[in-house]
Protein backbone atom coordinates (compact mmCIF):
# COMPACT_ATOMS: atom_id res chain seq x y z
CA MET A 1 -9.18 13.08 -37.68
CA SER A 2 -6.19 12.70 -40.00
CA ASP A 3 -3.66 9.78 -39.86
CA GLU A 4 -0.69 12.51 -38.87
CA THR A 5 -2.91 13.48 -35.78
CA LEU A 6 -3.68 9.82 -34.65
CA ASN A 7 0.03 9.03 -35.10
CA GLU A 8 1.05 12.38 -32.87
CA ALA A 9 -1.43 11.28 -29.93
CA PRO A 10 0.41 7.84 -29.21
CA GLU A 11 3.77 9.53 -29.89
CA GLY A 12 2.78 12.12 -26.94
CA LYS A 13 1.46 9.68 -24.60
CA ARG A 14 5.01 7.72 -25.31
CA LYS A 15 6.94 11.03 -24.50
CA THR A 16 4.64 11.94 -21.52
CA SER A 17 5.11 8.11 -19.84
CA LEU A 18 9.15 8.12 -20.50
CA LEU A 19 9.57 11.55 -19.18
CA PHE A 20 7.46 10.19 -15.79
CA ARG A 21 9.52 7.21 -15.78
CA ALA A 22 12.41 9.26 -15.83
CA VAL A 23 11.70 11.73 -13.19
CA THR A 24 10.52 8.89 -10.68
CA TRP A 25 13.98 7.36 -11.08
CA LEU A 26 15.84 10.37 -10.53
CA LEU A 27 13.89 10.91 -7.25
CA ALA A 28 14.37 7.16 -6.56
CA ILE A 29 18.16 7.61 -7.02
CA GLY A 30 18.11 10.81 -5.05
CA CYS A 31 16.20 9.05 -1.96
CA PHE A 32 19.12 6.23 -2.20
CA TYR A 33 21.52 8.64 -2.09
CA LEU A 34 20.35 10.55 0.91
CA VAL A 35 19.68 7.55 2.75
CA TYR A 36 23.18 6.11 1.88
CA THR A 37 25.10 9.60 2.86
CA ARG A 38 23.39 9.03 6.40
CA MET A 39 24.38 5.89 6.60
CA GLU A 40 28.09 6.74 5.64
CA ALA A 41 28.11 9.26 8.52
CA ALA A 42 26.63 7.06 10.91
CA ALA A 43 29.29 4.34 9.81
CA ALA A 44 32.29 6.71 10.08
CA GLN A 45 31.62 7.79 13.37
CA ASP A 46 32.46 4.11 14.54
CA SER A 47 35.55 4.09 11.76
CA MET A 48 33.33 1.55 9.26
CA THR A 49 32.63 1.40 5.86
CA VAL A 50 29.02 1.25 4.99
CA VAL A 51 29.34 -2.46 4.16
CA GLU A 52 30.55 -3.07 7.33
CA TYR A 53 28.14 -0.99 9.25
CA LEU A 54 25.25 -2.96 7.54
CA ALA A 55 26.81 -6.41 7.99
CA ARG A 56 27.22 -5.50 11.69
CA PHE A 57 23.41 -4.59 11.76
CA PHE A 58 22.22 -7.57 10.19
CA GLY A 59 24.68 -10.09 11.50
CA GLU A 60 23.34 -9.23 15.15
CA ALA A 61 19.93 -9.90 13.89
CA ASN A 62 17.80 -12.49 15.58
CA TRP A 63 16.84 -13.89 12.11
CA LEU A 64 14.88 -17.00 13.01
CA ALA A 65 12.55 -15.13 15.39
CA TRP A 66 12.13 -12.88 12.81
CA LEU A 67 10.80 -15.23 10.54
CA ALA A 68 8.26 -16.94 12.88
CA LEU A 69 6.91 -13.48 13.30
CA VAL A 70 6.84 -12.46 9.81
CA ILE A 71 5.44 -16.09 8.30
CA PRO A 72 2.49 -16.21 10.37
CA TYR A 73 1.83 -12.26 9.58
CA SER A 74 1.65 -12.53 5.98
CA LEU A 75 -1.05 -15.59 6.18
CA PHE A 76 -2.77 -13.21 8.56
CA PHE A 77 -2.52 -10.32 5.90
CA ILE A 78 -3.64 -12.33 3.24
CA VAL A 79 -6.91 -13.61 5.15
CA VAL A 80 -7.62 -10.32 6.08
CA ASP A 81 -7.06 -8.54 2.78
CA THR A 82 -8.97 -11.39 1.11
CA ASN A 83 -12.15 -10.90 3.29
CA VAL A 84 -12.38 -7.11 2.61
CA THR A 85 -12.06 -7.71 -1.13
CA TRP A 86 -14.62 -10.17 -0.98
CA ARG A 87 -17.14 -7.99 0.83
CA CYS A 88 -16.80 -5.37 -1.21
CA ILE A 89 -17.42 -7.08 -4.33
CA ARG A 90 -20.32 -8.48 -2.66
CA TRP A 91 -21.76 -5.25 -2.22
CA PHE A 92 -20.88 -3.27 -5.55
CA ASN A 93 -20.42 -6.38 -8.28
CA ALA A 94 -21.50 -9.89 -7.33
CA PRO A 95 -23.80 -10.57 -4.26
CA ASP A 96 -23.48 -14.25 -4.98
CA LEU A 97 -19.86 -14.33 -4.76
CA LYS A 98 -18.24 -16.80 -1.87
CA PHE A 99 -14.72 -16.10 -0.02
CA SER A 100 -13.79 -19.62 -1.00
CA ASN A 101 -13.69 -18.73 -4.73
CA VAL A 102 -12.16 -15.35 -4.09
CA LEU A 103 -9.31 -16.69 -2.09
CA PRO A 104 -7.33 -18.43 -4.43
CA ILE A 105 -7.81 -15.56 -6.99
CA ARG A 106 -6.93 -12.79 -4.54
CA ALA A 107 -3.92 -14.97 -3.08
CA SER A 108 -2.55 -15.55 -6.76
CA ALA A 109 -2.72 -12.25 -7.63
CA TYR A 110 0.27 -11.25 -4.97
CA ILE A 111 2.63 -13.52 -7.78
CA LEU A 112 1.58 -10.86 -10.29
CA SER A 113 1.98 -8.04 -7.65
CA LEU A 114 5.76 -9.02 -7.57
CA VAL A 115 5.73 -7.14 -10.73
CA ASN A 116 3.08 -4.76 -10.50
CA GLU A 117 0.30 -4.11 -7.85
CA GLN A 118 -2.19 -3.02 -10.26
CA VAL A 119 -1.46 -5.57 -12.40
CA GLY A 120 -2.62 -8.09 -9.92
CA LYS A 121 -5.63 -5.93 -9.21
CA GLY A 122 -6.74 -7.07 -12.62
CA ALA A 123 -6.69 -10.65 -11.80
CA MET A 124 -9.80 -9.96 -9.73
CA SER A 125 -11.12 -7.83 -12.65
CA LEU A 126 -10.66 -10.76 -15.01
CA TYR A 127 -12.38 -13.28 -12.96
CA LEU A 128 -15.06 -11.32 -11.97
CA TYR A 129 -15.89 -10.37 -15.91
CA ARG A 130 -15.61 -14.13 -16.91
CA ARG A 131 -17.79 -15.81 -14.00
CA TYR A 132 -19.87 -12.83 -13.67
CA SER A 133 -20.13 -10.75 -16.42
CA VAL A 134 -19.07 -7.54 -14.28
CA PRO A 135 -17.83 -4.76 -16.48
CA GLY A 136 -14.12 -4.54 -16.27
CA TRP A 137 -14.41 -0.63 -15.31
CA GLN A 138 -17.05 -1.68 -12.69
CA ALA A 139 -14.70 -4.21 -11.22
CA ILE A 140 -12.03 -1.68 -11.37
CA SER A 141 -14.10 0.75 -9.78
CA THR A 142 -14.47 -1.48 -6.68
CA MET A 143 -10.76 -2.06 -6.49
CA ILE A 144 -10.54 1.87 -6.08
CA ILE A 145 -12.66 2.42 -3.51
CA LEU A 146 -10.66 -0.13 -1.43
CA GLY A 147 -7.61 1.73 -2.43
CA LEU A 148 -9.13 4.83 -1.32
CA MET A 149 -10.32 3.62 1.83
CA GLU A 150 -6.81 2.11 2.59
CA ILE A 151 -5.53 5.75 2.48
CA TYR A 152 -7.94 6.55 4.99
CA GLN A 153 -7.20 3.57 7.42
CA LEU A 154 -3.68 4.96 7.07
CA LEU A 155 -4.46 8.62 7.74
CA MET A 156 -6.99 7.81 10.72
CA PHE A 157 -4.74 5.47 12.60
CA SER A 158 -1.89 8.00 12.02
CA ALA A 159 -3.60 10.78 13.25
CA VAL A 160 -4.40 8.77 16.61
CA GLY A 161 -0.88 8.26 17.13
CA VAL A 162 -0.07 11.84 16.39
CA PHE A 163 -2.67 13.16 18.80
CA LEU A 164 -1.56 10.23 21.41
CA ARG A 165 2.16 11.13 21.08
CA TYR A 166 2.60 14.58 19.34
CA ASP A 167 5.81 14.83 21.63
CA VAL A 168 7.31 11.94 19.34
CA VAL A 169 6.18 13.86 15.99
CA GLN A 170 7.92 17.01 17.16
CA ASP A 171 11.24 15.36 17.94
CA ALA A 172 11.35 13.27 14.48
CA SER A 173 10.70 17.00 12.80
CA THR A 174 14.37 17.48 12.30
CA LEU A 175 14.48 17.25 8.41
CA LEU A 176 10.85 17.63 7.47
CA PRO A 177 8.33 19.94 9.61
CA LEU A 178 6.08 16.89 10.05
CA ASP A 179 4.55 18.29 13.25
CA VAL A 180 2.80 20.55 10.81
CA ILE A 181 2.42 18.29 7.82
CA LEU A 182 0.43 15.35 9.16
CA PRO A 183 -1.83 17.53 11.17
CA SER A 184 -2.55 19.98 7.88
CA VAL A 185 -2.90 16.27 5.68
CA PHE A 186 -5.20 14.81 8.36
CA VAL A 187 -7.31 18.16 8.39
CA GLY A 188 -8.01 18.18 4.48
CA ALA A 189 -8.64 14.67 4.31
CA LEU A 190 -11.44 15.02 7.18
CA ILE A 191 -12.92 17.83 5.24
CA TYR A 192 -12.82 16.02 1.64
CA LEU A 193 -14.50 12.84 2.61
CA PRO A 194 -17.99 13.89 3.71
CA LEU A 195 -18.04 15.95 0.43
CA HIS A 196 -17.23 13.16 -1.58
CA ILE A 197 -19.73 10.99 -0.12
CA TRP A 198 -22.54 14.08 -0.37
CA TYR A 199 -21.28 14.41 -4.40
CA PHE A 200 -21.87 10.65 -5.01
CA SER A 201 -25.05 10.51 -3.11
CA GLY A 202 -26.32 13.19 -5.79
CA GLY A 203 -26.68 16.20 -2.90
CA LEU A 204 -23.65 17.95 -4.19
CA PHE A 205 -23.53 19.43 -8.06
CA PRO A 206 -26.21 17.15 -8.65
CA ASN A 207 -26.02 17.86 -12.27
CA SER A 208 -22.62 16.51 -12.85
CA GLU A 209 -22.21 13.68 -14.98
CA LEU A 210 -18.78 12.71 -13.52
CA LYS A 211 -20.06 10.66 -11.24
CA ASN A 212 -21.93 8.20 -13.61
CA LYS A 213 -18.72 7.04 -15.48
CA SER A 214 -18.39 3.15 -14.95
CA LEU A 215 -15.32 3.64 -13.18
CA LEU A 216 -17.02 5.46 -10.27
CA HIS A 217 -19.62 2.61 -10.00
CA ALA A 218 -18.75 1.47 -6.81
CA PHE A 219 -18.92 5.09 -5.43
CA ARG A 220 -22.31 5.60 -6.63
CA GLN A 221 -23.21 2.71 -5.17
CA ALA A 222 -21.57 2.89 -1.64
CA GLN A 223 -23.29 4.12 1.68
CA PRO A 224 -21.38 6.02 4.60
CA LEU A 225 -21.80 2.70 6.37
CA HIS A 226 -19.56 0.99 3.64
CA TYR A 227 -17.00 3.29 4.08
CA LEU A 228 -16.75 2.43 7.52
CA LYS A 229 -16.87 -0.88 7.24
CA ILE A 230 -14.03 -1.28 4.74
CA VAL A 231 -11.88 0.34 7.33
CA LEU A 232 -12.64 -1.73 10.34
CA TRP A 233 -12.43 -4.60 7.97
CA LYS A 234 -9.18 -3.53 6.99
CA ALA A 235 -8.21 -2.57 10.14
CA PRO A 236 -6.87 -5.90 11.76
CA ASN A 237 -3.86 -5.97 8.77
CA LEU A 238 -2.51 -2.20 10.02
CA LEU A 239 -2.58 -3.18 13.89
CA GLY A 240 -1.04 -6.46 13.11
CA ALA A 241 1.81 -4.88 11.07
CA ILE A 242 2.36 -1.91 13.89
CA VAL A 243 2.97 -4.89 16.58
CA VAL A 244 4.82 -6.99 13.84
CA TYR A 245 7.03 -4.05 12.53
CA THR A 246 7.76 -2.84 16.49
CA VAL A 247 8.74 -6.33 17.24
CA ALA A 248 10.72 -6.89 14.57
CA LEU A 249 12.79 -3.95 14.72
CA ASP A 250 13.42 -4.94 18.15
CA LEU A 251 14.89 -8.21 17.04
CA PHE A 252 16.95 -5.91 14.50
CA ASN A 253 18.51 -3.76 17.96
CA VAL A 254 16.48 -1.12 16.76
CA ASP A 255 14.68 0.93 19.98
CA VAL A 256 11.34 1.98 19.01
CA SER A 257 7.79 1.98 20.61
CA LEU A 258 4.31 1.17 19.97
CA ALA A 259 3.53 4.66 19.92
CA GLN A 260 6.20 5.62 17.31
CA MET A 261 4.71 2.81 15.01
CA LEU A 262 1.38 4.09 15.64
CA ALA A 263 2.19 7.40 14.16
CA PHE A 264 4.53 6.79 11.84
CA LEU A 265 4.15 3.22 10.39
CA PRO A 266 0.78 4.37 8.39
CA VAL A 267 2.76 7.48 6.73
CA ILE A 268 5.42 5.08 6.15
CA PHE A 269 2.89 2.96 4.09
CA LEU A 270 1.44 6.00 2.49
CA ALA A 271 4.86 6.85 1.08
CA ALA A 272 5.38 3.33 -0.05
CA ALA A 273 2.24 4.08 -2.33
CA LEU A 274 3.76 6.67 -4.10
CA PRO A 275 4.82 5.50 -7.63
CA LEU A 276 8.54 5.21 -6.84
CA PRO A 277 11.04 2.47 -7.91
CA PHE A 278 11.91 0.21 -5.13
CA HIS A 279 9.30 2.23 -2.35
CA ALA A 280 12.40 4.35 -2.20
CA GLY A 281 9.83 7.36 -0.73
CA ALA A 282 9.19 4.94 2.48
CA LEU A 283 12.83 4.16 2.46
CA LEU A 284 13.88 8.08 2.86
CA LEU A 285 11.23 8.40 5.16
CA TRP A 286 12.38 5.53 7.50
CA THR A 287 15.23 7.28 7.69
CA VAL A 288 13.80 10.91 8.23
CA LEU A 289 11.83 9.51 11.38
CA PHE A 290 14.24 7.39 12.88
CA PRO A 291 17.38 9.93 12.65
CA ASP A 292 19.59 7.89 15.30
CA TYR A 293 19.02 4.58 13.41
CA PRO A 294 19.91 5.34 9.57
CA GLU A 295 20.11 1.72 8.91
CA VAL A 296 16.48 0.96 9.20
CA GLY A 297 15.94 1.97 5.34
CA ALA A 298 18.07 -1.13 4.94
CA PHE A 299 15.80 -2.88 7.29
CA SER A 300 12.56 -1.81 5.62
CA LEU A 301 13.81 -2.95 2.04
CA VAL A 302 14.14 -6.51 3.32
CA MET A 303 11.51 -6.74 5.33
CA HIS A 304 9.08 -5.33 2.67
CA THR A 305 10.87 -7.98 0.22
CA VAL A 306 10.72 -11.05 2.25
CA PHE A 307 6.75 -10.07 2.85
CA VAL A 308 5.71 -9.97 -0.49
CA LEU A 309 8.13 -12.96 -1.56
CA LEU A 310 6.05 -14.86 1.00
CA ASN A 311 2.66 -13.77 -0.32
CA ALA A 312 3.88 -14.79 -3.45
CA ILE A 313 4.72 -18.21 -2.41
CA VAL A 314 1.52 -18.74 -0.73
CA GLY A 315 -0.05 -17.64 -4.33
CA VAL A 316 1.82 -20.30 -5.95
CA ILE A 317 0.06 -22.78 -3.57
CA PHE A 318 -3.08 -21.28 -4.68
CA LEU A 319 -2.41 -21.07 -8.50
CA PRO A 320 -3.84 -24.40 -9.59
CA LYS A 321 -7.19 -23.30 -8.03
CA ALA A 322 -6.89 -19.79 -9.37
CA ASN A 323 -6.38 -21.07 -12.67
CA LYS A 324 -9.41 -23.14 -12.38
CA GLU A 325 -11.29 -20.48 -11.48
CA LEU A 326 -10.34 -18.26 -14.27
CA PHE A 327 -9.93 -20.82 -17.10
CA GLY A 328 -11.89 -24.00 -16.31
CA GLU A 329 -14.77 -26.03 -18.00
CA GLY A 330 -18.25 -24.42 -17.45
CA GLN A 331 -17.54 -20.69 -17.84
CA PRO A 332 -19.98 -18.07 -19.38
């Protein structure tokens, strides 16, 4: 391969990266603009500016009760999240790993997640490599299977909510045909998962070499029961979020029901996973799903920002212990 070809490859990747960033920022700006126009229309009905409209909304909230709700949930979330991460690592990477060793690493990773969630997961991969000589790609594969089952958990709970209160979904299908989109996504996910498990067990396309990649190590090791256990161990966080968001919205004088949260919050969390700045996809979806309360977009920004900051504060507390685990004496 010539030097010219080698130079062209990085240049092509750089242009692709710049294009991707430009597209995501344009989409995010579009989402914010749509949310702003809806808030502007609502404010105009009360003869107010958007700033005055939001000031009234936040001024009437019960902030002390809200903090008393969010802080314990942040601690609860970290424990549950660390627990399922620890169990997966024991299954697929390091059977002798202790929960007490994982907790400071996982907690401190929330500091890095302020910048980029994937960077935060990289801290766990570094720890596994240094302490247990787990190859980086194999450690990352465990993080991937956790991410996949998180998506399935959100889809499963949302499917239950949609099934129980399909009328709520129909009422919210004003800007988007959610009553068609959501069931279609559920059916597609239901069809894919057994095919996925069949493929990695060797029954489907047995001569395929893709499943032998190090990046897919955890999928080769996983049994159907592992997938179920991951969902069950993750479930308390989502169930807690449904209750917390329902109560929190009530503290901000937004009238929502548990049924609405069960049907919609998992979908909103899925939208938050889109690679858009400031979780713009989730911001817009809040406004679409609750058209009578366009200010919930601003609420979601505050809720998410405070939540990740609280997690990061816990991470700071565990940081000395995490540094000792990662860089202390006696490391191989």
